[in-house]
PDB file of N, CA and C in Angstrom:
ATOM      1  N   MET A   1      64.322 187.234  96.692  1.00  0.00           N
ATOM      2  CA  MET A   1      64.349 185.925  97.246  1.00  0.00           C
ATOM      3  C   MET A   1      64.585 184.948  96.100  1.00  0.00           C
ATOM      4  N   PRO A   2      65.539 184.010  96.301  1.00  0.00           N
ATOM      5  CA  PRO A   2      65.810 183.069  95.218  1.00  0.00           C
ATOM      6  C   PRO A   2      64.615 182.163  94.966  1.00  0.00           C
ATOM      7  N   VAL A   3      64.526 181.808  93.703  1.00  0.00           N
ATOM      8  CA  VAL A   3      63.439 180.912  93.306  1.00  0.00           C
ATOM      9  C   VAL A   3      64.009 179.509  93.194  1.00  0.00           C
ATOM     10  N   SER A   4      63.363 178.584  93.787  1.00  0.00           N
ATOM     11  CA  SER A   4      63.822 177.201  93.655  1.00  0.00           C
ATOM     12  C   SER A   4      62.842 176.444  92.768  1.00  0.00           C
ATOM     13  N   ARG A   5      63.419 175.604  91.980  1.00  0.00           N
ATOM     14  CA  ARG A   5      62.579 174.772  91.109  1.00  0.00           C
ATOM     15  C   ARG A   5      62.932 173.319  91.356  1.00  0.00           C
ATOM     16  N   ARG A   6      61.965 172.531  91.238  1.00  0.00           N
ATOM     17  CA  ARG A   6      62.212 171.097  91.297  1.00  0.00           C
ATOM     18  C   ARG A   6      62.425 170.624  89.869  1.00  0.00           C
ATOM     19  N   VAL A   7      63.522 169.953  89.693  1.00  0.00           N
ATOM     20  CA  VAL A   7      63.824 169.412  88.369  1.00  0.00           C
ATOM     21  C   VAL A   7      63.757 167.903  88.483  1.00  0.00           C
ATOM     22  N   ARG A   8      62.991 167.337  87.626  1.00  0.00           N
ATOM     23  CA  ARG A   8      62.891 165.871  87.625  1.00  0.00           C
ATOM     24  C   ARG A   8      63.904 165.332  86.621  1.00  0.00           C
ATOM     25  N   LEU A   9      64.833 164.580  87.126  1.00  0.00           N
ATOM     26  CA  LEU A   9      65.816 163.938  86.259  1.00  0.00           C
ATOM     27  C   LEU A   9      65.247 162.613  85.780  1.00  0.00           C
ATOM     28  N   ASN A  10      65.552 162.296  84.585  1.00  0.00           N
ATOM     29  CA  ASN A  10      65.113 161.010  84.046  1.00  0.00           C
ATOM     30  C   ASN A  10      66.124 159.929  84.445  1.00  0.00           C
ATOM     31  N   ALA A  11      66.196 159.683  85.722  1.00  0.00           N
ATOM     32  CA  ALA A  11      67.127 158.684  86.233  1.00  0.00           C
ATOM     33  C   ALA A  11      66.548 157.294  85.991  1.00  0.00           C
ATOM     34  N   PRO A  12      67.407 156.375  85.641  1.00  0.00           N
ATOM     35  CA  PRO A  12      66.908 155.017  85.415  1.00  0.00           C
ATOM     36  C   PRO A  12      66.491 154.362  86.727  1.00  0.00           C
ATOM     37  N   HIS A  13      65.544 153.465  86.622  1.00  0.00           N
ATOM     38  CA  HIS A  13      65.100 152.707  87.781  1.00  0.00           C
ATOM     39  C   HIS A  13      66.162 151.662  88.123  1.00  0.00           C
ATOM     40  N   HIS A  14      66.057 151.104  89.311  1.00  0.00           N
ATOM     41  CA  HIS A  14      67.034 150.106  89.758  1.00  0.00           C
ATOM     42  C   HIS A  14      67.144 148.951  88.779  1.00  0.00           C
ATOM     43  N   TRP A  15      66.029 148.469  88.253  1.00  0.00           N
ATOM     44  CA  TRP A  15      66.076 147.339  87.333  1.00  0.00           C
ATOM     45  C   TRP A  15      66.782 147.730  86.042  1.00  0.00           C
ATOM     46  N   GLN A  16      66.666 149.007  85.628  1.00  0.00           N
ATOM     47  CA  GLN A  16      67.359 149.456  84.424  1.00  0.00           C
ATOM     48  C   GLN A  16      68.873 149.520  84.665  1.00  0.00           C
ATOM     49  N   ILE A  17      69.273 149.923  85.858  1.00  0.00           N
ATOM     50  CA  ILE A  17      70.703 149.970  86.195  1.00  0.00           C
ATOM     51  C   ILE A  17      71.266 148.553  86.191  1.00  0.00           C
ATOM     52  N   ALA A  18      70.543 147.618  86.785  1.00  0.00           N
ATOM     53  CA  ALA A  18      70.996 146.227  86.807  1.00  0.00           C
ATOM     54  C   ALA A  18      71.100 145.678  85.389  1.00  0.00           C
ATOM     55  N   GLN A  19      70.150 146.029  84.539  1.00  0.00           N
ATOM     56  CA  GLN A  19      70.160 145.574  83.153  1.00  0.00           C
ATOM     57  C   GLN A  19      71.356 146.165  82.407  1.00  0.00           C
ATOM     58  N   MET A  20      71.668 147.454  82.637  1.00  0.00           N
ATOM     59  CA  MET A  20      72.813 148.085  81.988  1.00  0.00           C
ATOM     60  C   MET A  20      74.114 147.432  82.441  1.00  0.00           C
ATOM     61  N   LYS A  21      74.218 147.096  83.750  1.00  0.00           N
ATOM     62  CA  LYS A  21      75.426 146.447  84.257  1.00  0.00           C
ATOM     63  C   LYS A  21      75.594 145.066  83.628  1.00  0.00           C
ATOM     64  N   LEU A  22      74.501 144.303  83.537  1.00  0.00           N
ATOM     65  CA  LEU A  22      74.549 142.978  82.928  1.00  0.00           C
ATOM     66  C   LEU A  22      74.919 143.089  81.454  1.00  0.00           C
ATOM     67  N   SER A  23      74.333 144.056  80.777  1.00  0.00           N
ATOM     68  CA  SER A  23      74.627 144.262  79.366  1.00  0.00           C
ATOM     69  C   SER A  23      76.099 144.608  79.167  1.00  0.00           C
ATOM     70  N   SER A  24      76.652 145.449  80.031  1.00  0.00           N
ATOM     71  CA  SER A  24      78.068 145.818  79.944  1.00  0.00           C
ATOM     72  C   SER A  24      78.960 144.607  80.190  1.00  0.00           C
ATOM     73  N   LYS A  25      78.614 143.800  81.191  1.00  0.00           N
ATOM     74  CA  LYS A  25      79.407 142.607  81.491  1.00  0.00           C
ATOM     75  C   LYS A  25      79.352 141.623  80.325  1.00  0.00           C
ATOM     76  N   LEU A  26      78.184 141.476  79.719  1.00  0.00           N
ATOM     77  CA  LEU A  26      78.032 140.579  78.584  1.00  0.00           C
ATOM     78  C   LEU A  26      78.851 141.077  77.396  1.00  0.00           C
ATOM     79  N   SER A  27      78.851 142.369  77.166  1.00  0.00           N
ATOM     80  CA  SER A  27      79.641 142.943  76.073  1.00  0.00           C
ATOM     81  C   SER A  27      81.125 142.699  76.279  1.00  0.00           C
ATOM     82  N   VAL A  28      81.593 142.874  77.508  1.00  0.00           N
ATOM     83  CA  VAL A  28      83.011 142.631  77.815  1.00  0.00           C
ATOM     84  C   VAL A  28      83.336 141.152  77.612  1.00  0.00           C
ATOM     85  N   ALA A  29      82.451 140.257  78.070  1.00  0.00           N
ATOM     86  CA  ALA A  29      82.688 138.822  77.928  1.00  0.00           C
ATOM     87  C   ALA A  29      82.750 138.427  76.451  1.00  0.00           C
ATOM     88  N   LEU A  30      81.852 138.959  75.636  1.00  0.00           N
ATOM     89  CA  LEU A  30      81.864 138.655  74.207  1.00  0.00           C
ATOM     90  C   LEU A  30      83.114 139.203  73.533  1.00  0.00           C
ATOM     91  N   ALA A  31      83.551 140.375  73.939  1.00  0.00           N
ATOM     92  CA  ALA A  31      84.767 140.952  73.373  1.00  0.00           C
ATOM     93  C   ALA A  31      85.978 140.089  73.726  1.00  0.00           C
ATOM     94  N   LEU A  32      86.051 139.624  74.968  1.00  0.00           N
ATOM     95  CA  LEU A  32      87.153 138.749  75.380  1.00  0.00           C
ATOM     96  C   LEU A  32      87.116 137.433  74.623  1.00  0.00           C
ATOM     97  N   LEU A  33      85.921 136.886  74.425  1.00  0.00           N
ATOM     98  CA  LEU A  33      85.784 135.648  73.679  1.00  0.00           C
ATOM     99  C   LEU A  33      86.270 135.837  72.245  1.00  0.00           C
ATOM    100  N   ALA A  34      85.926 136.954  71.631  1.00  0.00           N
ATOM    101  CA  ALA A  34      86.368 137.230  70.265  1.00  0.00           C
ATOM    102  C   ALA A  34      87.882 137.358  70.206  1.00  0.00           C
ATOM    103  N   VAL A  35      88.472 138.023  71.188  1.00  0.00           N
ATOM    104  CA  VAL A  35      89.929 138.177  71.226  1.00  0.00           C
ATOM    105  C   VAL A  35      90.594 136.823  71.418  1.00  0.00           C
ATOM    106  N   CYS A  36      90.050 136.005  72.325  1.00  0.00           N
ATOM    107  CA  CYS A  36      90.631 134.680  72.563  1.00  0.00           C
ATOM    108  C   CYS A  36      90.511 133.806  71.325  1.00  0.00           C
ATOM    109  N   SER A  37      89.389 133.878  70.632  1.00  0.00           N
ATOM    110  CA  SER A  37      89.214 133.092  69.410  1.00  0.00           C
ATOM    111  C   SER A  37      90.202 133.532  68.352  1.00  0.00           C
ATOM    112  N   ALA A  38      90.356 134.829  68.210  1.00  0.00           N
ATOM    113  CA  ALA A  38      91.289 135.342  67.208  1.00  0.00           C
ATOM    114  C   ALA A  38      92.721 134.974  67.576  1.00  0.00           C
ATOM    115  N   ALA A  39      93.027 134.998  68.864  1.00  0.00           N
ATOM    116  CA  ALA A  39      94.382 134.692  69.298  1.00  0.00           C
ATOM    117  C   ALA A  39      94.706 133.222  69.092  1.00  0.00           C
ATOM    118  N   SER A  40      93.690 132.344  69.078  1.00  0.00           N
ATOM    119  CA  SER A  40      93.958 130.931  68.909  1.00  0.00           C
ATOM    120  C   SER A  40      94.277 130.581  67.461  1.00  0.00           C
ATOM    121  N   ALA A  41      93.953 131.440  66.512  1.00  0.00           N
ATOM    122  CA  ALA A  41      94.304 131.207  65.114  1.00  0.00           C
ATOM    123  C   ALA A  41      95.807 131.383  64.968  1.00  0.00           C
ATOM    124  N   TYR A  42      96.465 130.405  64.340  1.00  0.00           N
ATOM    125  CA  TYR A  42      97.912 130.475  64.199  1.00  0.00           C
ATOM    126  C   TYR A  42      98.262 131.215  62.913  1.00  0.00           C
ATOM    127  N   GLU A  43      99.008 132.285  63.064  1.00  0.00           N
ATOM    128  CA  GLU A  43      99.455 133.084  61.925  1.00  0.00           C
ATOM    129  C   GLU A  43     100.960 132.947  61.775  1.00  0.00           C
ATOM    130  N   PHE A  44     101.439 133.094  60.543  1.00  0.00           N
ATOM    131  CA  PHE A  44     102.868 133.091  60.290  1.00  0.00           C
ATOM    132  C   PHE A  44     103.160 133.986  59.094  1.00  0.00           C
ATOM    133  N   GLU A  45     104.391 134.450  59.031  1.00  0.00           N
ATOM    134  CA  GLU A  45     104.808 135.361  57.964  1.00  0.00           C
ATOM    135  C   GLU A  45     105.380 134.575  56.782  1.00  0.00           C
ATOM    136  N   VAL A  46     105.090 135.052  55.588  1.00  0.00           N
ATOM    137  CA  VAL A  46     105.682 134.505  54.375  1.00  0.00           C
ATOM    138  C   VAL A  46     106.319 135.666  53.622  1.00  0.00           C
ATOM    139  N   SER A  47     107.612 135.506  53.322  1.00  0.00           N
ATOM    140  CA  SER A  47     108.335 136.521  52.551  1.00  0.00           C
ATOM    141  C   SER A  47     108.645 135.965  51.178  1.00  0.00           C
ATOM    142  N   ASN A  48     108.355 136.760  50.164  1.00  0.00           N
ATOM    143  CA  ASN A  48     108.707 136.405  48.796  1.00  0.00           C
ATOM    144  C   ASN A  48     109.942 137.222  48.438  1.00  0.00           C
ATOM    145  N   ALA A  49     111.107 136.600  48.510  1.00  0.00           N
ATOM    146  CA  ALA A  49     112.364 137.291  48.225  1.00  0.00           C
ATOM    147  C   ALA A  49     112.752 137.197  46.748  1.00  0.00           C
ATOM    148  N   THR A  50     111.839 136.712  45.928  1.00  0.00           N
ATOM    149  CA  THR A  50     112.106 136.619  44.491  1.00  0.00           C
ATOM    150  C   THR A  50     111.521 137.835  43.787  1.00  0.00           C
ATOM    151  N   ASN A  51     111.694 137.885  42.485  1.00  0.00           N
ATOM    152  CA  ASN A  51     111.093 138.960  41.676  1.00  0.00           C
ATOM    153  C   ASN A  51     109.787 138.518  41.025  1.00  0.00           C
ATOM    154  N   VAL A  52     109.377 137.273  41.265  1.00  0.00           N
ATOM    155  CA  VAL A  52     108.193 136.706  40.632  1.00  0.00           C
ATOM    156  C   VAL A  52     107.080 136.552  41.671  1.00  0.00           C
ATOM    157  N   ARG A  53     105.862 136.912  41.296  1.00  0.00           N
ATOM    158  CA  ARG A  53     104.699 136.805  42.194  1.00  0.00           C
ATOM    159  C   ARG A  53     104.450 135.341  42.559  1.00  0.00           C
ATOM    160  N   ILE A  54     104.209 135.084  43.853  1.00  0.00           N
ATOM    161  CA  ILE A  54     103.778 133.759  44.306  1.00  0.00           C
ATOM    162  C   ILE A  54     102.264 133.705  44.132  1.00  0.00           C
ATOM    163  N   THR A  55     101.795 132.700  43.397  1.00  0.00           N
ATOM    164  CA  THR A  55     100.358 132.573  43.145  1.00  0.00           C
ATOM    165  C   THR A  55      99.707 131.500  44.003  1.00  0.00           C
ATOM    166  N   GLY A  56     100.518 130.679  44.660  1.00  0.00           N
ATOM    167  CA  GLY A  56      99.967 129.637  45.518  1.00  0.00           C
ATOM    168  C   GLY A  56     100.996 129.137  46.514  1.00  0.00           C
ATOM    169  N   ILE A  57     100.520 128.757  47.689  1.00  0.00           N
ATOM    170  CA  ILE A  57     101.359 128.128  48.702  1.00  0.00           C
ATOM    171  C   ILE A  57     100.600 126.902  49.190  1.00  0.00           C
ATOM    172  N   ALA A  58     101.305 125.774  49.209  1.00  0.00           N
ATOM    173  CA  ALA A  58     100.680 124.525  49.641  1.00  0.00           C
ATOM    174  C   ALA A  58     101.497 123.912  50.768  1.00  0.00           C
ATOM    175  N   ALA A  59     100.809 123.137  51.619  1.00  0.00           N
ATOM    176  CA  ALA A  59     101.464 122.473  52.744  1.00  0.00           C
ATOM    177  C   ALA A  59     101.009 121.021  52.812  1.00  0.00           C
ATOM    178  N   SER A  60     101.912 120.161  53.304  1.00  0.00           N
ATOM    179  CA  SER A  60     101.618 118.740  53.405  1.00  0.00           C
ATOM    180  C   SER A  60     102.335 118.150  54.610  1.00  0.00           C
ATOM    181  N   GLU A  61     101.649 117.250  55.309  1.00  0.00           N
ATOM    182  CA  GLU A  61     102.292 116.530  56.411  1.00  0.00           C
ATOM    183  C   GLU A  61     103.102 115.351  55.886  1.00  0.00           C
ATOM    184  N   ASP A  62     102.593 114.714  54.823  1.00  0.00           N
ATOM    185  CA  ASP A  62     103.208 113.476  54.342  1.00  0.00           C
ATOM    186  C   ASP A  62     103.926 113.603  52.998  1.00  0.00           C
ATOM    187  N   GLY A  63     103.865 114.761  52.369  1.00  0.00           N
ATOM    188  CA  GLY A  63     104.509 114.945  51.071  1.00  0.00           C
ATOM    189  C   GLY A  63     103.697 114.417  49.899  1.00  0.00           C
ATOM    190  N   GLU A  64     102.532 113.848  50.193  1.00  0.00           N
ATOM    191  CA  GLU A  64     101.683 113.308  49.127  1.00  0.00           C
ATOM    192  C   GLU A  64     100.378 114.078  48.972  1.00  0.00           C
ATOM    193  N   THR A  65      99.739 114.395  50.090  1.00  0.00           N
ATOM    194  CA  THR A  65      98.479 115.133  50.071  1.00  0.00           C
ATOM    195  C   THR A  65      98.780 116.580  50.436  1.00  0.00           C
ATOM    196  N   TRP A  66      98.405 117.501  49.538  1.00  0.00           N
ATOM    197  CA  TRP A  66      98.727 118.918  49.728  1.00  0.00           C
ATOM    198  C   TRP A  66      97.456 119.729  49.908  1.00  0.00           C
ATOM    199  N   GLY A  67      97.509 120.694  50.818  1.00  0.00           N
ATOM    200  CA  GLY A  67      96.411 121.640  51.030  1.00  0.00           C
ATOM    201  C   GLY A  67      96.918 123.032  50.696  1.00  0.00           C
ATOM    202  N   ALA A  68      96.045 123.843  50.146  1.00  0.00           N
ATOM    203  CA  ALA A  68      96.451 125.179  49.696  1.00  0.00           C
ATOM    204  C   ALA A  68      96.049 126.255  50.686  1.00  0.00           C
ATOM    205  N   PHE A  69      96.914 127.250  50.843  1.00  0.00           N
ATOM    206  CA  PHE A  69      96.592 128.446  51.609  1.00  0.00           C
ATOM    207  C   PHE A  69      95.929 129.445  50.678  1.00  0.00           C
ATOM    208  N   ASP A  70      95.072 130.281  51.227  1.00  0.00           N
ATOM    209  CA  ASP A  70      94.439 131.334  50.446  1.00  0.00           C
ATOM    210  C   ASP A  70      95.388 132.527  50.373  1.00  0.00           C
ATOM    211  N   VAL A  71      96.027 132.701  49.229  1.00  0.00           N
ATOM    212  CA  VAL A  71      96.942 133.837  49.058  1.00  0.00           C
ATOM    213  C   VAL A  71      96.276 134.955  48.253  1.00  0.00           C
ATOM    214  N   LYS A  72      94.964 134.858  48.127  1.00  0.00           N
ATOM    215  CA  LYS A  72      94.153 135.855  47.417  1.00  0.00           C
ATOM    216  C   LYS A  72      94.773 136.181  46.061  1.00  0.00           C
ATOM    217  N   GLY A  73      95.206 137.399  45.829  1.00  0.00           N
ATOM    218  CA  GLY A  73      95.773 137.787  44.526  1.00  0.00           C
ATOM    219  C   GLY A  73      97.236 137.430  44.377  1.00  0.00           C
ATOM    220  N   GLY A  74      97.786 136.720  45.344  1.00  0.00           N
ATOM    221  CA  GLY A  74      99.187 136.339  45.282  1.00  0.00           C
ATOM    222  C   GLY A  74     100.041 137.217  46.179  1.00  0.00           C
ATOM    223  N   ILE A  75     101.318 136.866  46.226  1.00  0.00           N
ATOM    224  CA  ILE A  75     102.283 137.625  47.033  1.00  0.00           C
ATOM    225  C   ILE A  75     103.298 138.212  46.066  1.00  0.00           C
ATOM    226  N   PRO A  76     103.286 139.520  45.880  1.00  0.00           N
ATOM    227  CA  PRO A  76     104.213 140.138  44.937  1.00  0.00           C
ATOM    228  C   PRO A  76     105.669 139.870  45.315  1.00  0.00           C
ATOM    229  N   GLY A  77     106.533 139.913  44.312  1.00  0.00           N
ATOM    230  CA  GLY A  77     107.952 139.758  44.578  1.00  0.00           C
ATOM    231  C   GLY A  77     108.445 140.845  45.516  1.00  0.00           C
ATOM    232  N   ARG A  78     109.422 140.479  46.338  1.00  0.00           N
ATOM    233  CA  ARG A  78     110.052 141.416  47.282  1.00  0.00           C
ATOM    234  C   ARG A  78     109.050 141.985  48.294  1.00  0.00           C
ATOM    235  N   SER A  79     108.104 141.129  48.733  1.00  0.00           N
ATOM    236  CA  SER A  79     107.143 141.576  49.756  1.00  0.00           C
ATOM    237  C   SER A  79     106.856 140.424  50.714  1.00  0.00           C
ATOM    238  N   LYS A  80     106.112 140.730  51.764  1.00  0.00           N
ATOM    239  CA  LYS A  80     105.728 139.690  52.718  1.00  0.00           C
ATOM    240  C   LYS A  80     104.275 139.851  53.081  1.00  0.00           C
ATOM    241  N   THR A  81     103.709 138.763  53.597  1.00  0.00           N
ATOM    242  CA  THR A  81     102.317 138.756  54.009  1.00  0.00           C
ATOM    243  C   THR A  81     102.155 137.809  55.192  1.00  0.00           C
ATOM    244  N   THR A  82     101.002 137.865  55.821  1.00  0.00           N
ATOM    245  CA  THR A  82     100.683 136.983  56.933  1.00  0.00           C
ATOM    246  C   THR A  82      99.637 135.979  56.468  1.00  0.00           C
ATOM    247  N   LEU A  83      99.891 134.707  56.733  1.00  0.00           N
ATOM    248  CA  LEU A  83      98.926 133.663  56.410  1.00  0.00           C
ATOM    249  C   LEU A  83      98.423 133.052  57.707  1.00  0.00           C
ATOM    250  N   VAL A  84      97.233 132.444  57.645  1.00  0.00           N
ATOM    251  CA  VAL A  84      96.602 131.852  58.824  1.00  0.00           C
ATOM    252  C   VAL A  84      96.358 130.378  58.558  1.00  0.00           C
ATOM    253  N   TRP A  85      96.760 129.547  59.509  1.00  0.00           N
ATOM    254  CA  TRP A  85      96.511 128.107  59.442  1.00  0.00           C
ATOM    255  C   TRP A  85      95.033 127.851  59.590  1.00  0.00           C
ATOM    256  N   SER A  86      94.524 126.866  58.911  1.00  0.00           N
ATOM    257  CA  SER A  86      93.142 126.433  59.075  1.00  0.00           C
ATOM    258  C   SER A  86      92.985 125.745  60.421  1.00  0.00           C
ATOM    259  N   SER A  87      91.867 125.947  61.073  1.00  0.00           N
ATOM    260  CA  SER A  87      91.620 125.301  62.366  1.00  0.00           C
ATOM    261  C   SER A  87      91.519 123.784  62.208  1.00  0.00           C
ATOM    262  N   GLU A  88      91.334 123.297  60.988  1.00  0.00           N
ATOM    263  CA  GLU A  88      91.270 121.855  60.732  1.00  0.00           C
ATOM    264  C   GLU A  88      92.592 121.166  61.061  1.00  0.00           C
ATOM    265  N   THR A  89      93.677 121.936  61.130  1.00  0.00           N
ATOM    266  CA  THR A  89      94.999 121.362  61.393  1.00  0.00           C
ATOM    267  C   THR A  89      95.405 121.456  62.864  1.00  0.00           C
ATOM    268  N   ASP A  90      94.496 121.892  63.723  1.00  0.00           N
ATOM    269  CA  ASP A  90      94.825 122.120  65.133  1.00  0.00           C
ATOM    270  C   ASP A  90      95.416 120.894  65.838  1.00  0.00           C
ATOM    271  N   ASN A  91      95.005 119.710  65.456  1.00  0.00           N
ATOM    272  CA  ASN A  91      95.489 118.495  66.128  1.00  0.00           C
ATOM    273  C   ASN A  91      96.544 117.757  65.311  1.00  0.00           C
ATOM    274  N   SER A  92      97.202 118.454  64.417  1.00  0.00           N
ATOM    275  CA  SER A  92      98.206 117.817  63.570  1.00  0.00           C
ATOM    276  C   SER A  92      99.600 117.999  64.157  1.00  0.00           C
ATOM    277  N   ASP A  93     100.582 117.361  63.517  1.00  0.00           N
ATOM    278  CA  ASP A  93     101.974 117.501  63.935  1.00  0.00           C
ATOM    279  C   ASP A  93     102.477 118.910  63.629  1.00  0.00           C
ATOM    280  N   CYS A  94     103.620 119.236  64.198  1.00  0.00           N
ATOM    281  CA  CYS A  94     104.226 120.560  63.985  1.00  0.00           C
ATOM    282  C   CYS A  94     104.971 120.652  62.657  1.00  0.00           C
ATOM    283  N   GLU A  95     105.577 119.548  62.238  1.00  0.00           N
ATOM    284  CA  GLU A  95     106.402 119.542  61.021  1.00  0.00           C
ATOM    285  C   GLU A  95     105.538 119.396  59.775  1.00  0.00           C
ATOM    286  N   TRP A  96     105.680 120.368  58.879  1.00  0.00           N
ATOM    287  CA  TRP A  96     104.957 120.352  57.611  1.00  0.00           C
ATOM    288  C   TRP A  96     105.913 120.712  56.480  1.00  0.00           C
ATOM    289  N   LEU A  97     105.641 120.152  55.306  1.00  0.00           N
ATOM    290  CA  LEU A  97     106.354 120.546  54.091  1.00  0.00           C
ATOM    291  C   LEU A  97     105.581 121.690  53.458  1.00  0.00           C
ATOM    292  N   VAL A  98     106.304 122.665  52.941  1.00  0.00           N
ATOM    293  CA  VAL A  98     105.667 123.826  52.325  1.00  0.00           C
ATOM    294  C   VAL A  98     106.345 124.090  50.988  1.00  0.00           C
ATOM    295  N   LYS A  99     105.545 124.458  49.988  1.00  0.00           N
ATOM    296  CA  LYS A  99     106.089 124.823  48.680  1.00  0.00           C
ATOM    297  C   LYS A  99     105.267 125.963  48.091  1.00  0.00           C
ATOM    298  N   ALA A 100     105.896 126.672  47.164  1.00  0.00           N
ATOM    299  CA  ALA A 100     105.234 127.808  46.516  1.00  0.00           C
ATOM    300  C   ALA A 100     105.117 127.556  45.017  1.00  0.00           C
ATOM    301  N   THR A 101     104.069 128.103  44.430  1.00  0.00           N
ATOM    302  CA  THR A 101     103.896 128.115  42.982  1.00  0.00           C
ATOM    303  C   THR A 101     103.992 129.571  42.549  1.00  0.00           C
ATOM    304  N   TYR A 102     104.743 129.809  41.475  1.00  0.00           N
ATOM    305  CA  TYR A 102     105.000 131.174  40.999  1.00  0.00           C
ATOM    306  C   TYR A 102     104.191 131.482  39.746  1.00  0.00           C
ATOM    307  N   ALA A 103     104.055 132.756  39.458  1.00  0.00           N
ATOM    308  CA  ALA A 103     103.277 133.219  38.309  1.00  0.00           C
ATOM    309  C   ALA A 103     103.830 132.694  36.984  1.00  0.00           C
ATOM    310  N   ASP A 104     105.116 132.380  36.940  1.00  0.00           N
ATOM    311  CA  ASP A 104     105.694 131.863  35.693  1.00  0.00           C
ATOM    312  C   ASP A 104     105.500 130.354  35.545  1.00  0.00           C
ATOM    313  N   GLY A 105     104.752 129.731  36.485  1.00  0.00           N
ATOM    314  CA  GLY A 105     104.460 128.308  36.417  1.00  0.00           C
ATOM    315  C   GLY A 105     105.455 127.429  37.157  1.00  0.00           C
ATOM    316  N   SER A 106     106.554 127.976  37.612  1.00  0.00           N
ATOM    317  CA  SER A 106     107.537 127.181  38.339  1.00  0.00           C
ATOM    318  C   SER A 106     107.080 126.946  39.775  1.00  0.00           C
ATOM    319  N   GLU A 107     107.707 125.956  40.413  1.00  0.00           N
ATOM    320  CA  GLU A 107     107.384 125.603  41.782  1.00  0.00           C
ATOM    321  C   GLU A 107     108.663 125.508  42.594  1.00  0.00           C
ATOM    322  N   SER A 108     108.612 125.920  43.847  1.00  0.00           N
ATOM    323  CA  SER A 108     109.772 125.761  44.727  1.00  0.00           C
ATOM    324  C   SER A 108     109.864 124.306  45.155  1.00  0.00           C
ATOM    325  N   ASP A 109     111.026 123.893  45.595  1.00  0.00           N
ATOM    326  CA  ASP A 109     111.167 122.574  46.200  1.00  0.00           C
ATOM    327  C   ASP A 109     110.473 122.608  47.552  1.00  0.00           C
ATOM    328  N   PRO A 110     109.812 121.521  47.945  1.00  0.00           N
ATOM    329  CA  PRO A 110     109.206 121.492  49.279  1.00  0.00           C
ATOM    330  C   PRO A 110     110.291 121.586  50.355  1.00  0.00           C
ATOM    331  N   ALA A 111     110.014 122.353  51.390  1.00  0.00           N
ATOM    332  CA  ALA A 111     110.940 122.488  52.514  1.00  0.00           C
ATOM    333  C   ALA A 111     110.162 122.241  53.801  1.00  0.00           C
ATOM    334  N   SER A 112     110.829 121.652  54.796  1.00  0.00           N
ATOM    335  CA  SER A 112     110.193 121.316  56.063  1.00  0.00           C
ATOM    336  C   SER A 112     110.269 122.489  57.037  1.00  0.00           C
ATOM    337  N   PHE A 113     109.128 122.750  57.713  1.00  0.00           N
ATOM    338  CA  PHE A 113     109.064 123.828  58.697  1.00  0.00           C
ATOM    339  C   PHE A 113     108.351 123.331  59.940  1.00  0.00           C
ATOM    340  N   ASP A 114     108.767 123.853  61.088  1.00  0.00           N
ATOM    341  CA  ASP A 114     108.164 123.536  62.373  1.00  0.00           C
ATOM    342  C   ASP A 114     107.168 124.642  62.713  1.00  0.00           C
ATOM    343  N   PHE A 115     105.889 124.356  62.559  1.00  0.00           N
ATOM    344  CA  PHE A 115     104.864 125.362  62.792  1.00  0.00           C
ATOM    345  C   PHE A 115     104.538 125.548  64.273  1.00  0.00           C
ATOM    346  N   CYS A 116     105.204 124.812  65.144  1.00  0.00           N
ATOM    347  CA  CYS A 116     105.068 125.059  66.576  1.00  0.00           C
ATOM    348  C   CYS A 116     106.040 126.145  67.023  1.00  0.00           C
ATOM    349  N   GLU A 117     106.956 126.494  66.143  1.00  0.00           N
ATOM    350  CA  GLU A 117     107.947 127.538  66.425  1.00  0.00           C
ATOM    351  C   GLU A 117     107.251 128.898  66.472  1.00  0.00           C
ATOM    352  N   GLU A 118     107.571 129.681  67.497  1.00  0.00           N
ATOM    353  CA  GLU A 118     106.979 131.016  67.600  1.00  0.00           C
ATOM    354  C   GLU A 118     107.618 131.950  66.581  1.00  0.00           C
ATOM    355  N   ASP A 119     106.844 132.891  66.090  1.00  0.00           N
ATOM    356  CA  ASP A 119     107.312 133.905  65.148  1.00  0.00           C
ATOM    357  C   ASP A 119     107.936 133.292  63.900  1.00  0.00           C
ATOM    358  N   LEU A 120     107.346 132.215  63.393  1.00  0.00           N
ATOM    359  CA  LEU A 120     107.865 131.552  62.199  1.00  0.00           C
ATOM    360  C   LEU A 120     107.724 132.466  60.991  1.00  0.00           C
ATOM    361  N   GLU A 121     108.799 132.585  60.229  1.00  0.00           N
ATOM    362  CA  GLU A 121     108.765 133.297  58.960  1.00  0.00           C
ATOM    363  C   GLU A 121     109.339 132.380  57.893  1.00  0.00           C
ATOM    364  N   ILE A 122     108.566 132.139  56.846  1.00  0.00           N
ATOM    365  CA  ILE A 122     109.020 131.328  55.729  1.00  0.00           C
ATOM    366  C   ILE A 122     109.454 132.268  54.615  1.00  0.00           C
ATOM    367  N   VAL A 123     110.672 132.094  54.141  1.00  0.00           N
ATOM    368  CA  VAL A 123     111.210 132.954  53.094  1.00  0.00           C
ATOM    369  C   VAL A 123     111.412 132.116  51.839  1.00  0.00           C
ATOM    370  N   PHE A 124     110.744 132.518  50.753  1.00  0.00           N
ATOM    371  CA  PHE A 124     110.960 131.895  49.460  1.00  0.00           C
ATOM    372  C   PHE A 124     111.943 132.762  48.692  1.00  0.00           C
ATOM    373  N   SER A 125     113.064 132.157  48.311  1.00  0.00           N
ATOM    374  CA  SER A 125     114.097 132.916  47.604  1.00  0.00           C
ATOM    375  C   SER A 125     114.508 132.180  46.341  1.00  0.00           C
ATOM    376  N   GLU A 126     115.240 132.871  45.503  1.00  0.00           N
ATOM    377  CA  GLU A 126     115.675 132.282  44.231  1.00  0.00           C
ATOM    378  C   GLU A 126     116.808 131.325  44.421  1.00  0.00           C
TER     379      GLU A 126
END
């Protein structure tokens, strides 16, 4: 004759299930918020088509006051990188002047760029 056993499963109580569902929904909401925040940061590509490392990139709305981008250790010659606009510029105009400073101390001429343009790539060349 078969033997039957009662097995007690450690099933969560109703309040624990509700808590797990709320926790899951909160996790999804926070993940979406993080994605939306990251997506709101404006990124653009910078290509260094020269043989000299770029050590600094600056931008200006008026050509007089310049703000610097964080290029960390610089942008090696013949390479590209992605830079991110500061959120402080969110309410500014689209047209900005941009210039580069090179490891040899030289500077590019400022050039105007439309940062409202999608997939903007700035190329510094010789």
